[in-house]
Amino acid sequence: MTAAYLARAKRRVLVLERRYIVGGACVTEDNIFPGFKVSTAAYVNSLFRPEIVRDLRLRDYGFRLIERNPSSFSPFVDGRYLLLGPDGAANQREIAKFSQRDAQRYPEYERMLERVAAAIEPTLMQTPPNVVRPGPRDFVSLAKLGLAAHKLNGAMGETIDVLTGPARAILDRWFDSEQLKGTLATDAIIGAFAAPSMPGTAYVLFHHVMGETNGKRGVWSYVEGGMGSLTQALAKAARELGAEIRTEAEVARIIVEKGSAAGVVLANGDELRARHVASSVDCRLTFESFVEASLLPPEFLAEIKRIDYASASAKINVALSQLPNFSAAPGASAGPQHRGTIHLCPDQDFIERGYDDAKYGRPSAEPVVECTIPSALDPTVAPEGKHLMSMFCQYAPYQLADGSWDQAAKDAFADRCFEMVERHAPGFKESVIARQILSPVDIERTFNLTGGNIFQGAMGLNRLFVFRPAAGYSSYRTPIKNLFLCGSAAHPGGGVMGAAGHNAAREMLRG
């Protein structure tokens, strides 16, 4: 992302990718299961900024979005199910199956989130002000933030709740139905080592409803051909603009001379000189591995060491001979129940019990499982007649109390996740052709994400906006001159968004 914008401004740019394929954790790989295109890590899109799609003409390079309607399907063992999507009237009819009051309240709940989004979303493409050493531009930015806060009027309390509070408190205040609350609460904990009752989960919930697809707010989508089609489109745009991209080029060290970044040294010993360096890896790698500690201010390094990388997420990719046939919504051919995210979570207490296991270093006995089946809408990702499922599972703690994430531990956890699907779709396990299990340790090893944390560090209020990654260093600049952050470690944080790379390029061009 950063390279494309710098090249667009006629700068000479080199991108260094450690793996054989460019794209970080947003890739599609065809060597996992023969004939399948697997989005190995990131698997759905909504947060990616439309401004970037327009600026870089990504549609000209093959970027296509496939809207999902409905957005989610939640089956329950009593034979009922809940479908939610962009159709407001349909949502109310679905929710009314469980609670008439909740059906009436749901539109107002969505309007509340839209009010909060109207205040928060404009900040995504802004450079946060420096609140420690503010300059004239920072004061202007702070004044604009104050004006935006003033416009919130009565929504200020709601905004504070969303930014700081627990998702469970908000959902309990709004709704009665545990089926609805359980469905919504899963979005509050995906990627986080937290339960819905913990402060900060409301923002993760909000983070998942903030995006859009083709101008439609809150609509999530599949990328045609897999998530890697997005980063391949970016790579094509960057190359056409003049950027050079090298794969299998692992960085070992950032060269610092006279307090300024001056290039990098690769793992093979090659030395590459540059006037500016931008790092899209997390802060632990950038400042505790690639840069000598003696070159950083002690107070900054201490703050970086406090970043929380705790993770409890596992990713399982599955090749299937046929679609799951859900007891609550039978059907062997692709239907509404297969198009969106499948939530296997009966209520919020179920999530809390799963977290209880993980906080003591045990993988959840009954995991919280979200499934997507992109092949139900995009036939390009699986052979004819076959299907591809992505399972994102909580809770699988990075640090186990007993043993390690060896193959036996991974298989045992995956078996429990499969049992969750089997409970709702008998015959599912017989349809499995092959599976790939990524524990948090595998995610760390494969994608260089410390602790397997998909956000490059926790996204509590103390690590958002002006505090990401540390107060006084939220402008993509670092204590080392000409060394910038351009990935999820910087504002606005994790997710396939592109905003951090866009914003970092703007700051680099400012000089």
Protein backbone atom coordinates (compact mmCIF):
# COMPACT_ATOMS: atom_id res chain seq x y z
CA MET A 1 0.00 0.00 0.00
CA THR A 2 2.67 2.47 1.05
CA ALA A 3 4.82 1.56 -1.94
CA ALA A 4 1.97 2.17 -4.38
CA TYR A 5 1.32 5.67 -3.06
CA LEU A 6 5.02 6.55 -2.92
CA ALA A 7 5.56 5.28 -6.45
CA ARG A 8 2.51 7.26 -7.55
CA ALA A 9 4.37 10.32 -6.25
CA LYS A 10 7.37 9.36 -8.42
CA ARG A 11 9.51 8.01 -5.58
CA ARG A 12 11.80 5.04 -6.18
CA VAL A 13 10.47 2.23 -3.99
CA LEU A 14 11.50 -1.33 -3.12
CA VAL A 15 9.18 -3.73 -1.26
CA LEU A 16 10.76 -6.62 0.63
CA GLU A 17 8.54 -9.62 1.42
CA ARG A 18 9.85 -12.44 3.62
CA ARG A 19 7.59 -15.14 2.10
CA TYR A 20 7.39 -16.48 -1.45
CA ILE A 21 4.17 -14.53 -2.05
CA VAL A 22 3.49 -10.85 -1.50
CA GLY A 23 0.58 -9.77 0.68
CA GLY A 24 1.43 -10.56 4.30
CA ALA A 25 -1.54 -12.25 5.98
CA CYS A 26 -3.88 -11.24 3.13
CA VAL A 27 -2.98 -13.92 0.59
CA THR A 28 -4.52 -16.69 -1.46
CA GLU A 29 -2.43 -19.84 -1.91
CA ASP A 30 -3.05 -22.66 -4.39
CA ASN A 31 -0.57 -25.09 -2.86
CA ILE A 32 -2.55 -25.95 0.29
CA PHE A 33 -5.12 -28.29 -1.30
CA PRO A 34 -4.78 -29.26 -4.99
CA GLY A 35 -7.30 -27.36 -7.11
CA PHE A 36 -8.39 -24.99 -4.31
CA LYS A 37 -7.52 -21.32 -3.81
CA VAL A 38 -7.17 -20.93 -0.06
CA SER A 39 -7.26 -17.55 1.68
CA THR A 40 -4.83 -18.82 4.27
CA ALA A 41 -5.29 -16.14 6.92
CA ALA A 42 -7.56 -13.13 6.20
CA TYR A 43 -10.82 -14.38 4.71
CA VAL A 44 -13.48 -11.62 4.35
CA ASN A 45 -13.50 -7.95 3.37
CA SER A 46 -15.37 -4.85 4.44
CA LEU A 47 -12.93 -2.45 6.07
CA PHE A 48 -10.76 -1.89 2.98
CA ARG A 49 -11.01 1.80 2.20
CA PRO A 50 -12.98 2.73 -0.96
CA GLU A 51 -10.80 5.82 -1.45
CA ILE A 52 -7.84 3.52 -2.05
CA VAL A 53 -9.74 1.40 -4.56
CA ARG A 54 -10.45 4.57 -6.55
CA ASP A 55 -7.02 6.15 -6.17
CA LEU A 56 -5.11 3.09 -7.33
CA ARG A 57 -7.72 1.89 -9.85
CA LEU A 58 -7.67 -1.56 -8.25
CA ARG A 59 -10.66 -2.76 -10.25
CA ASP A 60 -8.52 -2.36 -13.37
CA TYR A 61 -6.17 -4.91 -11.85
CA GLY A 62 -8.80 -7.57 -11.11
CA PHE A 63 -10.14 -6.52 -7.70
CA ARG A 64 -13.78 -7.61 -7.44
CA LEU A 65 -16.04 -7.82 -4.42
CA ILE A 66 -18.85 -10.34 -4.02
CA GLU A 67 -21.49 -9.05 -1.61
CA ARG A 68 -22.85 -11.47 0.96
CA ASN A 69 -26.58 -11.51 1.62
CA PRO A 70 -27.43 -12.58 4.22
CA SER A 71 -24.38 -11.59 6.21
CA SER A 72 -24.72 -14.22 8.90
CA PHE A 73 -26.44 -17.49 9.71
CA SER A 74 -26.77 -18.80 13.27
CA PRO A 75 -28.25 -22.30 13.65
CA PHE A 76 -29.40 -23.58 17.03
CA VAL A 77 -29.79 -27.11 18.30
CA ASP A 78 -33.53 -26.60 18.92
CA GLY A 79 -34.01 -26.42 15.14
CA ARG A 80 -34.38 -22.65 14.87
CA TYR A 81 -31.98 -20.28 13.11
CA LEU A 82 -31.25 -16.57 12.77
CA LEU A 83 -30.36 -14.88 9.48
CA LEU A 84 -29.08 -11.29 9.48
CA GLY A 85 -28.12 -9.08 6.54
CA PRO A 86 -28.53 -5.70 4.86
CA ASP A 87 -32.34 -5.95 4.58
CA GLY A 88 -33.72 -4.17 7.65
CA ALA A 89 -37.26 -5.53 7.37
CA ALA A 90 -35.96 -9.08 6.90
CA ASN A 91 -33.75 -8.68 9.98
CA GLN A 92 -36.73 -7.65 12.07
CA ARG A 93 -38.73 -10.67 10.89
CA GLU A 94 -35.85 -12.98 11.76
CA ILE A 95 -35.24 -11.46 15.19
CA ALA A 96 -38.98 -11.55 15.97
CA LYS A 97 -38.74 -15.35 15.95
CA PHE A 98 -36.86 -14.96 19.23
CA SER A 99 -38.07 -11.62 20.64
CA GLN A 100 -40.60 -9.07 19.39
CA ARG A 101 -39.02 -6.41 21.59
CA ASP A 102 -35.57 -7.06 20.14
CA ALA A 103 -36.99 -6.86 16.62
CA GLN A 104 -38.35 -3.40 17.40
CA ARG A 105 -35.10 -2.29 19.06
CA TYR A 106 -32.70 -3.57 16.39
CA PRO A 107 -33.12 -0.67 13.92
CA GLU A 108 -32.38 1.83 16.69
CA TYR A 109 -29.32 -0.21 17.71
CA GLU A 110 -28.05 0.02 14.13
CA ARG A 111 -28.73 3.77 14.06
CA MET A 112 -26.73 4.12 17.29
CA LEU A 113 -23.77 2.38 15.68
CA GLU A 114 -24.12 4.58 12.61
CA ARG A 115 -23.99 7.71 14.81
CA VAL A 116 -20.80 6.45 16.42
CA ALA A 117 -19.37 5.49 13.02
CA ALA A 118 -20.06 8.98 11.69
CA ALA A 119 -17.73 10.32 14.38
CA ILE A 120 -15.07 7.60 14.32
CA GLU A 121 -14.76 6.62 10.67
CA PRO A 122 -13.33 9.95 9.42
CA THR A 123 -10.36 9.46 11.75
CA LEU A 124 -9.28 6.26 9.97
CA MET A 125 -7.63 8.15 7.13
CA GLN A 126 -6.23 10.89 9.38
CA THR A 127 -2.84 11.13 11.02
CA PRO A 128 -3.47 11.20 14.79
CA PRO A 129 -2.21 14.34 16.54
CA ASN A 130 0.84 14.24 18.77
CA VAL A 131 -0.59 14.80 22.27
CA VAL A 132 2.83 14.72 23.96
CA ARG A 133 4.69 17.29 21.82
CA PRO A 134 1.94 19.02 19.81
CA GLY A 135 2.81 21.34 16.98
CA PRO A 136 0.57 23.74 15.03
CA ARG A 137 -0.80 20.96 12.81
CA ASP A 138 -1.59 18.86 15.90
CA PHE A 139 -3.57 21.68 17.47
CA VAL A 140 -5.60 22.02 14.27
CA SER A 141 -6.26 18.29 14.30
CA LEU A 142 -7.30 18.40 17.96
CA ALA A 143 -9.65 21.28 17.22
CA LYS A 144 -11.29 19.27 14.43
CA LEU A 145 -11.71 16.34 16.79
CA GLY A 146 -13.33 18.62 19.32
CA LEU A 147 -15.75 19.87 16.67
CA ALA A 148 -16.61 16.29 15.69
CA ALA A 149 -17.22 15.43 19.36
CA HIS A 150 -19.48 18.46 19.71
CA LYS A 151 -21.59 17.23 16.81
CA LEU A 152 -22.20 13.97 18.64
CA ASN A 153 -24.48 15.75 21.10
CA GLY A 154 -26.42 13.02 22.90
CA ALA A 155 -24.39 10.27 21.28
CA MET A 156 -21.24 11.09 23.27
CA GLY A 157 -22.08 8.59 26.02
CA GLU A 158 -22.76 5.87 23.46
CA THR A 159 -19.47 6.62 21.75
CA ILE A 160 -17.51 6.35 25.00
CA ASP A 161 -19.26 3.06 25.79
CA VAL A 162 -18.35 1.66 22.38
CA LEU A 163 -14.72 2.79 22.62
CA THR A 164 -14.07 1.61 26.17
CA GLY A 165 -16.78 -0.72 27.43
CA PRO A 166 -17.55 -4.43 27.37
CA ALA A 167 -19.67 -5.67 24.49
CA ARG A 168 -21.82 -7.73 26.85
CA ALA A 169 -23.00 -4.71 28.84
CA ILE A 170 -24.07 -2.94 25.65
CA LEU A 171 -25.79 -5.99 24.16
CA ASP A 172 -27.57 -6.79 27.44
CA ARG A 173 -28.80 -3.21 27.64
CA TRP A 174 -30.24 -3.35 24.14
CA PHE A 175 -31.58 -6.88 23.77
CA ASP A 176 -33.23 -9.83 25.54
CA SER A 177 -32.68 -12.73 23.13
CA GLU A 178 -29.56 -14.74 23.87
CA GLN A 179 -29.59 -16.06 20.30
CA LEU A 180 -29.24 -12.53 18.94
CA LYS A 181 -26.73 -11.45 21.58
CA GLY A 182 -24.60 -14.55 21.07
CA THR A 183 -24.48 -13.92 17.32
CA LEU A 184 -23.46 -10.29 17.76
CA ALA A 185 -21.02 -11.03 20.60
CA THR A 186 -18.86 -13.33 18.48
CA ASP A 187 -17.74 -10.30 16.48
CA ALA A 188 -16.59 -8.69 19.73
CA ILE A 189 -14.04 -11.39 20.51
CA ILE A 190 -12.70 -12.53 17.14
CA GLY A 191 -8.95 -12.02 17.17
CA ALA A 192 -8.95 -10.82 20.79
CA PHE A 193 -7.94 -12.72 23.90
CA ALA A 194 -10.98 -11.48 25.78
CA ALA A 195 -14.54 -12.39 26.73
CA PRO A 196 -17.55 -10.17 25.88
CA SER A 197 -17.76 -9.12 29.54
CA MET A 198 -14.32 -7.48 29.37
CA PRO A 199 -13.74 -3.76 28.68
CA GLY A 200 -12.57 -2.99 25.15
CA THR A 201 -14.56 -5.72 23.41
CA ALA A 202 -17.26 -3.25 22.39
CA TYR A 203 -14.74 -1.54 20.09
CA VAL A 204 -13.80 -4.85 18.48
CA LEU A 205 -17.55 -5.39 17.93
CA PHE A 206 -17.85 -1.91 16.43
CA HIS A 207 -14.69 -2.45 14.36
CA HIS A 208 -16.52 -5.29 12.61
CA VAL A 209 -19.56 -3.18 11.63
CA MET A 210 -17.70 -0.07 10.50
CA GLY A 211 -16.92 -1.01 6.92
CA GLU A 212 -18.79 -1.18 3.65
CA THR A 213 -18.97 -2.99 0.33
CA ASN A 214 -19.72 -1.12 -2.87
CA GLY A 215 -21.01 1.83 -0.84
CA LYS A 216 -23.28 -0.28 1.38
CA ARG A 217 -22.43 0.20 5.06
CA GLY A 218 -21.95 -2.86 7.22
CA VAL A 219 -21.97 -5.27 4.25
CA TRP A 220 -19.12 -7.79 4.27
CA SER A 221 -17.91 -9.44 1.11
CA TYR A 222 -15.70 -12.08 -0.40
CA VAL A 223 -12.94 -11.03 -2.76
CA GLU A 224 -13.36 -12.86 -6.05
CA GLY A 225 -10.57 -15.40 -6.38
CA GLY A 226 -9.72 -15.15 -2.67
CA MET A 227 -8.36 -12.41 -0.44
CA GLY A 228 -5.03 -12.52 -2.22
CA SER A 229 -6.68 -11.01 -5.28
CA LEU A 230 -6.75 -7.76 -3.29
CA THR A 231 -3.04 -7.73 -2.53
CA GLN A 232 -2.16 -8.99 -6.01
CA ALA A 233 -4.13 -6.06 -7.44
CA LEU A 234 -2.19 -3.75 -5.13
CA ALA A 235 1.08 -5.31 -6.25
CA LYS A 236 0.16 -4.87 -9.92
CA ALA A 237 -0.79 -1.24 -9.32
CA ALA A 238 2.45 -0.60 -7.41
CA ARG A 239 4.58 -2.22 -10.10
CA GLU A 240 2.88 -0.31 -12.89
CA LEU A 241 3.54 2.89 -10.97
CA GLY A 242 7.23 1.95 -10.81
CA ALA A 243 7.69 0.09 -7.52
CA GLU A 244 9.92 -2.98 -7.34
CA ILE A 245 8.78 -5.99 -5.28
CA ARG A 246 11.06 -8.78 -4.11
CA THR A 247 9.78 -11.94 -2.46
CA GLU A 248 11.83 -14.34 -0.29
CA ALA A 249 13.75 -11.30 0.90
CA GLU A 250 13.80 -11.50 4.70
CA VAL A 251 14.97 -8.42 6.60
CA ALA A 252 17.38 -9.08 9.46
CA ARG A 253 18.31 -5.54 10.49
CA ILE A 254 17.48 -1.91 9.83
CA ILE A 255 20.59 0.17 9.19
CA VAL A 256 20.74 3.27 11.38
CA GLU A 257 23.44 5.90 10.87
CA LYS A 258 23.68 9.14 12.84
CA GLY A 259 20.18 8.60 14.24
CA SER A 260 18.58 8.11 10.83
CA ALA A 261 17.39 5.01 8.96
CA ALA A 262 19.69 4.35 6.02
CA GLY A 263 18.51 0.99 4.64
CA VAL A 264 18.27 -2.66 5.65
CA VAL A 265 20.38 -5.79 5.82
CA LEU A 266 18.73 -8.99 4.57
CA ALA A 267 19.02 -12.39 6.20
CA ASN A 268 21.33 -13.49 3.37
CA GLY A 269 23.69 -10.61 4.16
CA ASP A 270 22.72 -8.30 1.30
CA GLU A 271 22.80 -4.63 2.26
CA LEU A 272 20.25 -2.30 0.65
CA ARG A 273 20.61 1.45 1.14
CA ALA A 274 17.69 3.89 1.23
CA ARG A 275 16.91 7.36 2.50
CA HIS A 276 13.64 6.20 4.09
CA VAL A 277 12.49 2.87 5.53
CA ALA A 278 8.88 1.89 6.28
CA SER A 279 8.12 -1.18 8.38
CA SER A 280 4.80 -3.01 8.11
CA VAL A 281 5.68 -5.66 10.71
CA ASP A 282 4.74 -5.30 14.38
CA CYS A 283 6.56 -3.19 16.93
CA ARG A 284 8.25 -6.10 18.67
CA LEU A 285 10.01 -7.05 15.45
CA THR A 286 10.70 -3.50 14.32
CA PHE A 287 12.08 -2.13 17.59
CA GLU A 288 13.20 -5.20 19.52
CA SER A 289 14.66 -7.25 16.67
CA PHE A 290 15.52 -5.07 13.68
CA VAL A 291 16.86 -2.07 15.62
CA GLU A 292 19.43 -2.01 18.43
CA ALA A 293 17.82 -1.07 21.74
CA SER A 294 20.57 1.47 22.47
CA LEU A 295 19.37 3.57 19.52
CA LEU A 296 15.91 4.11 21.02
CA PRO A 297 14.80 6.37 23.88
CA PRO A 298 14.40 4.19 27.01
CA GLU A 299 10.89 5.50 27.71
CA PHE A 300 9.78 4.69 24.16
CA LEU A 301 11.23 1.19 24.29
CA ALA A 302 9.57 0.59 27.66
CA GLU A 303 6.22 1.59 26.16
CA ILE A 304 6.74 -0.71 23.18
CA LYS A 305 7.55 -3.61 25.51
CA ARG A 306 4.16 -3.10 27.19
CA ILE A 307 2.18 -3.81 24.00
CA ASP A 308 -0.03 -6.84 24.55
CA TYR A 309 0.30 -9.54 21.86
CA ALA A 310 -1.82 -12.14 23.63
CA SER A 311 -3.80 -14.20 21.15
CA ALA A 312 -6.26 -17.08 21.30
CA SER A 313 -7.30 -17.47 17.68
CA ALA A 314 -6.84 -20.49 15.42
CA LYS A 315 -7.56 -20.67 11.69
CA ILE A 316 -8.64 -23.90 10.04
CA ASN A 317 -9.00 -24.16 6.26
CA VAL A 318 -11.06 -27.09 5.01
CA ALA A 319 -11.57 -28.67 1.60
CA LEU A 320 -15.05 -30.24 1.34
CA SER A 321 -16.66 -32.71 -1.02
CA GLN A 322 -20.05 -31.07 -0.43
CA LEU A 323 -21.74 -28.23 1.44
CA PRO A 324 -22.79 -28.70 5.08
CA ASN A 325 -26.43 -29.72 5.40
CA PHE A 326 -27.73 -27.88 8.45
CA SER A 327 -30.51 -29.49 10.46
CA ALA A 328 -32.06 -26.08 11.11
CA ALA A 329 -32.03 -25.13 7.41
CA PRO A 330 -31.67 -28.28 5.30
CA GLY A 331 -30.26 -28.06 1.80
CA ALA A 332 -27.40 -29.68 -0.09
CA SER A 333 -27.12 -26.89 -2.68
CA ALA A 334 -25.91 -23.36 -1.94
CA GLY A 335 -28.56 -21.36 -0.10
CA PRO A 336 -28.78 -18.33 2.22
CA GLN A 337 -27.42 -20.41 5.10
CA HIS A 338 -24.13 -20.92 3.23
CA ARG A 339 -23.46 -17.39 1.93
CA GLY A 340 -22.53 -15.41 5.03
CA THR A 341 -20.65 -16.08 8.25
CA ILE A 342 -21.95 -19.12 10.09
CA HIS A 343 -21.98 -18.46 13.84
CA LEU A 344 -21.88 -21.58 16.01
CA CYS A 345 -22.53 -19.94 19.35
CA PRO A 346 -25.80 -20.36 21.29
CA ASP A 347 -25.35 -17.47 23.75
CA GLN A 348 -22.90 -15.18 25.51
CA ASP A 349 -22.35 -17.58 28.42
CA PHE A 350 -21.05 -20.13 25.92
CA ILE A 351 -18.39 -17.63 24.89
CA GLU A 352 -17.53 -16.85 28.52
CA ARG A 353 -17.01 -20.55 29.29
CA GLY A 354 -14.75 -20.90 26.26
CA TYR A 355 -12.68 -17.98 27.53
CA ASP A 356 -12.55 -19.48 31.03
CA ASP A 357 -10.63 -22.44 29.60
CA ALA A 358 -8.23 -20.24 27.65
CA LYS A 359 -7.35 -17.88 30.48
CA TYR A 360 -5.86 -20.86 32.31
CA GLY A 361 -3.89 -21.92 29.24
CA ARG A 362 -6.30 -24.57 27.97
CA PRO A 363 -7.81 -24.62 24.48
CA SER A 364 -11.58 -24.30 24.79
CA ALA A 365 -13.39 -27.59 25.43
CA GLU A 366 -16.24 -26.19 23.32
CA PRO A 367 -14.74 -23.62 20.94
CA VAL A 368 -16.51 -20.59 19.52
CA VAL A 369 -16.50 -21.25 15.77
CA GLU A 370 -17.19 -18.91 12.86
CA CYS A 371 -17.31 -20.49 9.41
CA THR A 372 -17.40 -19.00 5.95
CA ILE A 373 -17.85 -20.88 2.67
CA PRO A 374 -16.63 -18.53 -0.09
CA SER A 375 -17.21 -21.18 -2.76
CA ALA A 376 -20.97 -20.83 -2.15
CA LEU A 377 -20.72 -17.47 -3.96
CA ASP A 378 -17.36 -17.66 -5.73
CA PRO A 379 -16.90 -20.86 -7.76
CA THR A 380 -13.35 -19.85 -8.73
CA VAL A 381 -11.90 -20.90 -5.35
CA ALA A 382 -12.79 -24.61 -5.49
CA PRO A 383 -13.00 -27.35 -8.13
CA GLU A 384 -16.43 -27.95 -9.63
CA GLY A 385 -18.67 -29.75 -7.17
CA LYS A 386 -16.26 -29.15 -4.25
CA HIS A 387 -16.30 -26.43 -1.60
CA LEU A 388 -13.91 -24.47 0.57
CA MET A 389 -14.57 -23.60 4.20
CA SER A 390 -12.70 -21.16 6.41
CA MET A 391 -13.05 -21.62 10.19
CA PHE A 392 -11.93 -18.94 12.63
CA CYS A 393 -11.95 -20.41 16.12
CA GLN A 394 -11.73 -19.15 19.68
CA TYR A 395 -10.19 -19.83 22.12
CA ALA A 396 -6.80 -21.34 21.37
CA PRO A 397 -4.28 -19.61 23.65
CA TYR A 398 -0.79 -19.05 22.28
CA GLN A 399 0.80 -20.09 25.57
CA LEU A 400 -0.44 -23.46 26.79
CA ALA A 401 -0.32 -24.41 30.45
CA ASP A 402 0.61 -27.97 29.54
CA GLY A 403 2.53 -29.08 26.48
CA SER A 404 2.87 -27.24 23.20
CA TRP A 405 1.00 -26.70 19.96
CA ASP A 406 2.31 -29.88 18.37
CA GLN A 407 0.31 -31.75 15.74
CA ALA A 408 -1.55 -33.79 18.34
CA ALA A 409 -2.71 -30.64 20.17
CA LYS A 410 -3.76 -29.02 16.90
CA ASP A 411 -5.66 -32.09 15.78
CA ALA A 412 -7.46 -32.38 19.13
CA PHE A 413 -8.58 -28.76 18.98
CA ALA A 414 -9.62 -29.02 15.32
CA ASP A 415 -11.59 -32.18 16.10
CA ARG A 416 -13.57 -30.25 18.72
CA CYS A 417 -14.22 -27.45 16.22
CA PHE A 418 -15.41 -30.00 13.67
CA GLU A 419 -17.66 -31.55 16.30
CA MET A 420 -19.29 -28.13 16.74
CA VAL A 421 -20.13 -28.08 13.03
CA GLU A 422 -21.24 -31.73 13.08
CA ARG A 423 -23.65 -30.92 15.91
CA HIS A 424 -25.52 -28.56 13.57
CA ALA A 425 -24.79 -30.25 10.23
CA PRO A 426 -24.68 -34.07 10.61
CA GLY A 427 -22.42 -35.64 8.02
CA PHE A 428 -20.05 -32.69 7.88
CA LYS A 429 -17.01 -34.66 9.06
CA GLU A 430 -17.52 -37.26 6.32
CA SER A 431 -17.37 -34.48 3.71
CA VAL A 432 -13.89 -33.32 4.75
CA ILE A 433 -11.28 -33.96 2.05
CA ALA A 434 -8.38 -32.21 3.79
CA ARG A 435 -7.70 -29.58 6.42
CA GLN A 436 -4.99 -27.08 7.32
CA ILE A 437 -4.74 -26.14 11.01
CA LEU A 438 -3.02 -22.89 12.00
CA SER A 439 -2.54 -22.49 15.74
CA PRO A 440 -1.46 -19.08 17.09
CA VAL A 441 2.11 -20.39 17.00
CA ASP A 442 1.70 -21.31 13.32
CA ILE A 443 0.24 -17.88 12.58
CA GLU A 444 3.28 -16.31 14.24
CA ARG A 445 5.75 -18.50 12.35
CA THR A 446 4.04 -18.14 8.98
CA PHE A 447 3.13 -14.47 8.96
CA ASN A 448 5.58 -13.01 11.51
CA LEU A 449 2.72 -11.88 13.75
CA THR A 450 4.02 -11.87 17.32
CA GLY A 451 1.98 -14.18 19.53
CA GLY A 452 -0.26 -14.96 16.57
CA ASN A 453 -2.02 -11.65 17.21
CA ILE A 454 -3.83 -10.77 13.98
CA PHE A 455 -4.04 -7.07 14.88
CA GLN A 456 -0.26 -6.63 15.50
CA GLY A 457 -1.11 -5.84 19.12
CA ALA A 458 -4.23 -5.47 21.22
CA MET A 459 -6.75 -2.79 20.27
CA GLY A 460 -7.89 -1.46 23.63
CA LEU A 461 -8.38 2.28 24.08
CA ASN A 462 -4.81 2.54 25.45
CA ARG A 463 -3.54 1.33 22.05
CA LEU A 464 -5.79 3.21 19.65
CA PHE A 465 -5.54 6.48 17.74
CA VAL A 466 -3.13 8.86 19.54
CA PHE A 467 -1.83 5.96 21.66
CA ARG A 468 -0.99 3.57 18.80
CA PRO A 469 1.67 2.35 19.10
CA ALA A 470 2.64 4.82 21.84
CA ALA A 471 1.66 8.34 22.88
CA GLY A 472 3.76 10.85 21.01
CA TYR A 473 4.49 8.42 18.17
CA SER A 474 1.13 7.99 16.49
CA SER A 475 2.07 9.90 13.33
CA TYR A 476 3.72 6.86 11.67
CA ARG A 477 7.07 8.40 12.57
CA THR A 478 9.40 6.76 15.08
CA PRO A 479 12.22 7.99 17.34
CA ILE A 480 14.62 7.12 14.51
CA LYS A 481 14.56 9.72 11.75
CA ASN A 482 13.25 8.46 8.40
CA LEU A 483 11.98 5.19 9.92
CA PHE A 484 8.20 4.90 9.64
CA LEU A 485 5.51 2.39 10.59
CA CYS A 486 3.05 1.55 7.83
CA GLY A 487 1.18 -1.57 9.04
CA SER A 488 -1.42 -2.59 11.59
CA ALA A 489 0.93 -1.67 14.45
CA ALA A 490 0.08 1.96 13.61
CA HIS A 491 -3.28 3.77 13.53
CA PRO A 492 -5.99 2.63 12.86
CA GLY A 493 -4.91 -0.91 13.77
CA GLY A 494 -5.75 -4.36 12.48
CA GLY A 495 -7.97 -5.57 9.70
CA VAL A 496 -7.63 -5.58 5.91
CA MET A 497 -8.06 -1.82 5.69
CA GLY A 498 -5.12 -0.21 3.90
CA ALA A 499 -5.48 3.00 5.90
CA ALA A 500 -2.20 2.74 7.81
CA GLY A 501 -0.19 2.25 4.62
CA HIS A 502 -1.99 5.11 2.90
CA ASN A 503 -1.48 7.45 5.84
CA ALA A 504 2.16 6.49 6.30
CA ALA A 505 2.92 7.27 2.66
CA ARG A 506 1.33 10.71 3.10
CA GLU A 507 3.57 11.41 6.11
CA MET A 508 6.66 10.18 4.29
CA LEU A 509 5.94 12.51 1.40
CA ARG A 510 5.57 15.42 3.80
CA GLY A 511 9.20 14.86 4.77
